[in-house]
Protein backbone atom coordinates (compact mmCIF):
# COMPACT_ATOMS: atom_id res chain seq x y z
CA MET A 1 0.00 0.00 0.00
CA LYS A 2 1.59 3.23 -1.19
CA LYS A 3 -1.28 5.61 -0.45
CA ILE A 4 -3.66 5.29 2.49
CA CYS A 5 -6.68 7.53 2.86
CA VAL A 6 -7.34 8.34 6.51
CA PHE A 7 -10.86 9.28 7.57
CA CYS A 8 -10.88 11.24 10.83
CA GLY A 9 -12.47 14.07 12.75
CA SER A 10 -12.32 17.80 12.16
CA SER A 11 -12.45 18.00 15.97
CA LEU A 12 -9.83 16.71 18.40
CA GLY A 13 -12.27 14.77 20.58
CA LYS A 14 -12.28 14.75 24.37
CA GLN A 15 -9.47 12.28 24.99
CA ASN A 16 -5.76 12.78 24.33
CA ILE A 17 -5.49 9.19 23.04
CA TYR A 18 -7.16 10.22 19.77
CA LYS A 19 -4.48 12.81 19.03
CA GLU A 20 -1.70 10.53 20.28
CA THR A 21 -2.79 7.64 18.06
CA ALA A 22 -3.14 9.92 15.03
CA ASN A 23 0.47 10.94 15.65
CA GLU A 24 1.54 7.29 15.90
CA LEU A 25 -0.24 6.41 12.65
CA ALA A 26 1.37 9.36 10.87
CA LEU A 27 4.82 8.32 12.12
CA PHE A 28 4.21 4.74 10.96
CA MET A 29 3.17 5.96 7.51
CA ALA A 30 6.13 8.33 7.17
CA LYS A 31 8.58 5.62 8.26
CA ASN A 32 7.11 3.15 5.76
CA LYS A 33 6.90 5.71 2.93
CA ILE A 34 3.10 5.56 2.75
CA ASP A 35 1.50 8.77 1.45
CA LEU A 36 -1.44 10.26 3.34
CA ILE A 37 -4.64 11.11 1.51
CA TYR A 38 -7.22 12.87 3.66
CA GLY A 39 -9.89 15.56 3.70
CA GLY A 40 -7.47 18.46 3.47
CA ALA A 41 -8.44 20.35 6.63
CA ASN A 42 -6.23 22.34 8.97
CA VAL A 43 -8.31 21.55 12.07
CA GLY A 44 -8.84 18.69 14.51
CA VAL A 45 -7.38 15.22 14.15
CA MET A 46 -7.10 15.93 10.41
CA LYS A 47 -4.53 18.65 11.08
CA VAL A 48 -2.62 16.47 13.56
CA ILE A 49 -2.08 13.61 11.15
CA ALA A 50 -1.18 15.85 8.20
CA ASP A 51 1.29 17.96 10.18
CA THR A 52 2.95 14.94 11.78
CA ILE A 53 3.44 13.07 8.53
CA MET A 54 4.93 16.13 6.80
CA ASP A 55 7.15 16.96 9.80
CA ASN A 56 8.63 13.47 9.49
CA GLY A 57 9.36 13.44 5.77
CA GLY A 58 6.08 11.95 4.58
CA LYS A 59 3.70 13.24 1.93
CA ALA A 60 0.22 14.66 2.65
CA ILE A 61 -2.42 15.01 -0.07
CA GLY A 62 -5.69 16.82 0.63
CA ILE A 63 -9.02 16.59 -1.15
CA MET A 64 -11.53 19.28 -0.24
CA PRO A 65 -14.77 20.65 -1.71
CA LYS A 66 -14.68 24.30 -2.77
CA LEU A 67 -17.35 25.24 -0.20
CA LEU A 68 -15.04 24.17 2.64
CA VAL A 69 -12.03 25.91 1.12
CA GLU A 70 -14.14 29.07 1.19
CA LYS A 71 -14.75 28.52 4.93
CA GLU A 72 -10.96 28.88 5.40
CA VAL A 73 -10.37 25.44 6.91
CA ALA A 74 -8.08 24.19 4.14
CA HIS A 75 -4.50 23.23 5.03
CA GLU A 76 -2.33 25.53 2.93
CA GLU A 77 1.00 23.71 3.40
CA LEU A 78 0.17 20.28 1.97
CA ASP A 79 2.25 18.61 -0.71
CA GLU A 80 -0.88 18.47 -2.90
CA MET A 81 -4.39 19.86 -2.59
CA HIS A 82 -7.20 18.78 -4.90
CA ILE A 83 -10.20 21.14 -4.84
CA VAL A 84 -13.42 19.49 -5.99
CA SER A 85 -16.98 20.66 -6.51
CA SER A 86 -18.83 18.54 -3.94
CA MET A 87 -18.57 16.13 -1.01
CA ALA A 88 -19.59 13.31 -3.36
CA GLU A 89 -16.76 14.16 -5.75
CA ARG A 90 -14.34 14.28 -2.79
CA LYS A 91 -15.23 10.70 -1.78
CA GLU A 92 -15.06 9.50 -5.37
CA LEU A 93 -11.55 10.93 -5.77
CA MET A 94 -10.47 9.51 -2.40
CA ILE A 95 -11.52 6.03 -3.52
CA GLU A 96 -9.83 6.47 -6.90
CA MET A 97 -6.49 7.76 -5.56
CA SER A 98 -6.07 5.52 -2.51
CA ASP A 99 -4.84 1.95 -2.11
CA ALA A 100 -6.58 1.46 1.24
CA PHE A 101 -8.54 3.30 3.93
CA ILE A 102 -8.18 3.70 7.69
CA ALA A 103 -10.83 5.30 9.87
CA LEU A 104 -9.89 7.05 13.09
CA PRO A 105 -12.50 8.42 15.50
CA GLY A 106 -14.70 11.07 13.94
CA GLY A 107 -18.29 12.19 13.49
CA PHE A 108 -20.88 12.16 10.71
CA GLY A 109 -18.34 12.83 7.96
CA THR A 110 -16.21 9.88 9.04
CA LEU A 111 -19.26 7.61 9.24
CA ASP A 112 -20.30 8.74 5.78
CA GLU A 113 -16.86 7.96 4.36
CA ILE A 114 -16.73 4.53 6.03
CA SER A 115 -20.17 3.70 4.61
CA GLU A 116 -19.18 4.88 1.13
CA VAL A 117 -16.17 2.56 0.99
CA LEU A 118 -18.03 -0.42 2.48
CA THR A 119 -20.82 0.02 -0.07
CA ALA A 120 -18.31 0.35 -2.91
CA ASN A 121 -16.62 -2.86 -1.75
CA GLN A 122 -19.95 -4.66 -1.49
CA LEU A 123 -20.80 -3.71 -5.08
CA ARG A 124 -17.22 -4.36 -6.28
CA ILE A 125 -16.91 -0.75 -7.42
CA SER A 126 -13.78 -0.81 -5.29
CA ASP A 127 -11.73 -3.74 -4.03
CA LYS A 128 -9.64 -1.81 -1.52
CA PRO A 129 -9.50 -2.65 2.19
CA ILE A 130 -10.92 -0.48 4.94
CA GLY A 131 -9.69 -0.72 8.50
CA LEU A 132 -11.13 0.77 11.67
CA LEU A 133 -8.47 1.74 14.19
CA ASN A 134 -10.56 1.00 17.26
CA ILE A 135 -8.95 3.44 19.68
CA ASP A 136 -10.27 2.91 23.21
CA ASN A 137 -13.18 0.88 21.72
CA PHE A 138 -14.48 3.98 19.93
CA PHE A 139 -15.98 1.94 17.06
CA THR A 140 -17.36 -0.90 19.20
CA PRO A 141 -20.91 0.56 19.39
CA LEU A 142 -20.91 0.96 15.59
CA LEU A 143 -19.72 -2.63 15.15
CA ASN A 144 -22.44 -3.79 17.55
CA PHE A 145 -25.03 -1.99 15.42
CA ILE A 146 -23.68 -3.60 12.25
CA ASP A 147 -23.82 -7.01 13.97
CA HIS A 148 -27.47 -6.20 14.77
CA CYS A 149 -28.03 -5.47 11.07
CA VAL A 150 -26.53 -8.89 10.27
CA SER A 151 -28.77 -10.66 12.79
CA GLU A 152 -31.82 -8.87 11.34
CA GLY A 153 -30.91 -9.87 7.78
CA PHE A 154 -29.98 -6.46 6.35
CA VAL A 155 -26.22 -6.92 6.20
CA ARG A 156 -24.68 -10.18 5.00
CA LYS A 157 -22.08 -11.94 7.13
CA GLU A 158 -19.54 -11.85 4.32
CA HIS A 159 -19.89 -8.07 4.03
CA ARG A 160 -19.50 -7.68 7.79
CA ARG A 161 -16.19 -9.49 7.39
CA ASN A 162 -15.06 -6.76 4.95
CA ILE A 163 -14.61 -4.50 7.98
CA ILE A 164 -11.06 -4.92 9.30
CA VAL A 165 -10.73 -3.94 12.95
CA SER A 166 -7.84 -3.62 15.38
CA SER A 167 -6.74 -1.36 18.21
CA GLU A 168 -3.08 -1.69 17.12
CA ILE A 169 -1.62 0.05 14.06
CA ASP A 170 0.81 -2.74 13.06
CA ASP A 171 -1.87 -5.40 13.41
CA LEU A 172 -4.42 -3.37 11.44
CA ILE A 173 -2.00 -2.80 8.55
CA ASP A 174 -1.05 -6.51 8.52
CA LYS A 175 -4.70 -7.52 8.31
CA MET A 176 -5.35 -4.98 5.56
CA ASP A 177 -2.42 -6.36 3.56
CA GLN A 178 -4.13 -9.78 3.65
CA TYR A 179 -7.53 -8.48 2.51
CA GLN A 180 -9.23 -10.52 -0.22
CA PRO A 181 -12.27 -8.98 -1.97
CA LEU A 182 -15.45 -11.07 -2.08
CA SER A 183 -17.10 -12.35 -5.22
CA MET A 184 -20.27 -10.40 -5.94
CA GLY A 185 -22.13 -13.10 -7.87
CA LYS A 186 -23.09 -15.41 -5.02
CA TRP A 187 -24.66 -12.87 -2.70
CA ILE A 188 -26.61 -11.28 -5.58
CA ASP A 189 -27.97 -14.74 -6.45
CA ASP A 190 -28.79 -15.32 -2.78
CA ILE A 191 -30.82 -12.12 -2.38
CA LYS A 192 -32.67 -12.81 -5.65
CA GLN A 193 -33.57 -16.26 -4.31
CA GLU A 194 -34.64 -14.82 -0.96
CA SER A 195 -36.85 -12.23 -2.68
CA SER A 196 -38.49 -14.71 -5.04
CA SER A 197 -39.49 -17.02 -2.20
CA ASN A 198 -41.52 -14.32 -0.39
């Protein structure tokens, strides 16, 4: 993986561990010559990871909609900044440019980006791994909800397994390196069969 897109908050959160782990991830990426692709902001956890990777010889690439650039939250010292017309175009370019995705704690925007990649993987629009860095069990309630969706028949078990989870950076990257995309044909046939029998 040469380019990892990191989804993370435009806020710092209430616990120092979020900032500390963002720093650790940035140091890992810089050391391993992995470029950062992210939302391009100069605030919150987004700023922390971009600044740390650049301060340690790594490369930071931002992708930001014009409306947010106009709000003056764009990071002006990045190696590259791609200005796009919409949030949808931002996510599309993130998926196109990146080899993999890691989510750190964040809010609605982070959830939206996680969902976009998982849906793209499900439909085989993208075959790139997504990992959740489960800092202090931040994502555990989300994973519990997704497990509930599985038990209620709205998410398939094989798609639940597309979500790679670890609380350790090295372990998460190792698991992402081993990611194998799922064949789309079988589950499409399964849901057609399920629908025809009701």
